[in-house]
Amino acid sequence: MIVTSRDHLRGLVALDGAAPVPPAPLDAGPSHAILGTERVAGEADAVADVIAQCARLPLALRIAAANLRANPYLPIAEYAASHHALGDATRARTESAAAVDGLTATAAADLAEATAPARS
């Protein structure tokens, strides 16, 4: 079975022996290609910033590319700057959610154990 998630799913690893397989970051060439060569040439520094913010991950780059294609007149530098602020807020929410997720996973495991039928 393959399970994908933005979260680390530590509960599956700890409780069920799942093996995490993190996605591999892309090299610069494919990262630029996903963002679109027509816009990359004019704003090299901003493009490098967007690629760094996406951690060179294919899905994140595709989302950024879709957003940029939907806003063809938005400078990439402006897009990158707006996502720095968004990234800070998202990181704070993610850290809070990770703490809650750890508690939730523990509570769920405890509940599952408490409600499991007795084995004979």
Protein backbone atom coordinates (compact mmCIF):
# COMPACT_ATOMS: atom_id res chain seq x y z
CA MET A 1 0.00 0.00 0.00
CA ILE A 2 1.23 3.50 -0.81
CA VAL A 3 0.07 6.46 1.28
CA THR A 4 0.94 10.03 0.34
CA SER A 5 0.64 13.05 2.57
CA ARG A 6 2.09 16.46 3.25
CA ASP A 7 2.49 15.37 6.86
CA HIS A 8 5.19 13.02 8.08
CA LEU A 9 2.65 10.40 9.24
CA ARG A 10 4.90 9.45 12.12
CA GLY A 11 2.09 7.42 13.62
CA LEU A 12 2.11 5.04 10.66
CA VAL A 13 5.87 4.71 10.93
CA ALA A 14 5.87 4.17 14.69
CA LEU A 15 2.78 2.02 15.04
CA ASP A 16 2.52 0.18 11.73
CA GLY A 17 6.11 -0.05 10.54
CA ALA A 18 5.54 2.10 7.46
CA ALA A 19 8.67 3.09 5.53
CA PRO A 20 8.83 6.79 4.64
CA VAL A 21 10.06 7.63 1.14
CA PRO A 22 10.60 11.39 0.87
CA PRO A 23 10.36 12.96 -2.60
CA ALA A 24 13.65 13.84 -4.26
CA PRO A 25 14.22 17.50 -5.13
CA LEU A 26 14.70 18.38 -8.79
CA ASP A 27 17.85 19.84 -10.28
CA ALA A 28 17.87 23.44 -11.50
CA GLY A 29 17.08 22.62 -15.14
CA PRO A 30 13.84 20.72 -14.56
CA SER A 31 12.82 23.23 -11.88
CA HIS A 32 13.17 26.09 -14.36
CA ALA A 33 11.35 24.09 -17.05
CA ILE A 34 8.33 23.53 -14.78
CA LEU A 35 8.10 27.27 -14.06
CA GLY A 36 8.15 28.01 -17.79
CA THR A 37 11.08 29.19 -19.85
CA GLU A 38 9.18 32.21 -21.19
CA ARG A 39 9.21 33.89 -17.77
CA VAL A 40 12.37 32.45 -16.25
CA ALA A 41 14.80 34.41 -18.41
CA GLY A 42 13.58 37.84 -17.35
CA GLU A 43 13.59 37.39 -13.57
CA ALA A 44 16.41 34.98 -12.73
CA ASP A 45 16.79 36.04 -9.07
CA ALA A 46 13.05 35.86 -8.39
CA VAL A 47 12.83 32.48 -10.11
CA ALA A 48 15.68 31.17 -7.94
CA ASP A 49 13.75 32.45 -4.89
CA VAL A 50 10.55 30.66 -5.95
CA ILE A 51 12.49 27.45 -6.61
CA ALA A 52 14.10 27.69 -3.16
CA GLN A 53 10.73 28.34 -1.50
CA CYS A 54 9.38 25.24 -3.25
CA ALA A 55 12.38 23.25 -1.97
CA ARG A 56 12.78 22.07 -5.61
CA LEU A 57 9.88 19.66 -5.07
CA PRO A 58 7.90 18.86 -8.23
CA LEU A 59 4.40 19.32 -6.80
CA ALA A 60 5.25 22.64 -5.14
CA LEU A 61 6.87 23.88 -8.36
CA ARG A 62 3.83 22.85 -10.42
CA ILE A 63 1.54 24.75 -8.05
CA ALA A 64 3.76 27.84 -8.27
CA ALA A 65 3.84 27.51 -12.07
CA ALA A 66 0.04 27.25 -12.23
CA ASN A 67 -0.30 30.34 -10.04
CA LEU A 68 2.15 32.28 -12.22
CA ARG A 69 0.42 31.19 -15.44
CA ALA A 70 -2.93 32.27 -13.99
CA ASN A 71 -1.41 35.71 -13.31
CA PRO A 72 0.78 36.39 -16.36
CA TYR A 73 1.24 40.08 -15.55
CA LEU A 74 2.29 39.53 -11.94
CA PRO A 75 6.06 39.92 -11.62
CA ILE A 76 7.67 36.75 -10.30
CA ALA A 77 9.51 38.83 -7.68
CA GLU A 78 6.18 40.08 -6.33
CA TYR A 79 4.81 36.53 -6.27
CA ALA A 80 7.91 35.32 -4.42
CA ALA A 81 7.72 38.16 -1.88
CA SER A 82 4.05 37.49 -1.15
CA HIS A 83 4.83 33.82 -0.57
CA HIS A 84 7.63 34.58 1.90
CA ALA A 85 5.02 36.09 4.22
CA LEU A 86 2.62 33.22 3.52
CA GLY A 87 5.39 30.71 4.18
CA ASP A 88 6.11 32.22 7.59
CA ALA A 89 2.45 31.96 8.57
CA THR A 90 2.19 28.42 7.17
CA ARG A 91 5.29 27.28 9.06
CA ALA A 92 3.81 28.57 12.31
CA ARG A 93 0.51 26.74 11.63
CA THR A 94 2.36 23.58 10.61
CA GLU A 95 4.42 23.56 13.80
CA SER A 96 1.26 23.99 15.86
CA ALA A 97 -0.53 21.29 13.86
CA ALA A 98 2.41 18.91 14.27
CA ALA A 99 2.19 19.27 18.04
CA VAL A 100 -1.57 18.66 17.93
CA ASP A 101 -1.12 15.80 15.42
CA GLY A 102 1.26 14.05 17.80
CA LEU A 103 -1.32 14.30 20.57
CA THR A 104 -4.13 13.27 18.21
CA ALA A 105 -2.21 10.24 16.95
CA THR A 106 -1.48 9.18 20.53
CA ALA A 107 -5.11 9.64 21.53
CA ALA A 108 -6.30 7.72 18.46
CA ALA A 109 -3.91 4.86 19.22
CA ASP A 110 -5.05 4.79 22.84
CA LEU A 111 -8.71 4.78 21.77
CA ALA A 112 -8.10 2.02 19.20
CA GLU A 113 -6.36 -0.09 21.82
CA ALA A 114 -9.08 0.53 24.41
CA THR A 115 -11.92 -0.31 22.02
CA ALA A 116 -10.28 -3.25 20.25
CA PRO A 117 -12.04 -6.58 20.73
CA ALA A 118 -10.31 -8.91 23.13
CA ARG A 119 -8.13 -11.50 21.43
CA SER A 120 -8.48 -15.09 22.51
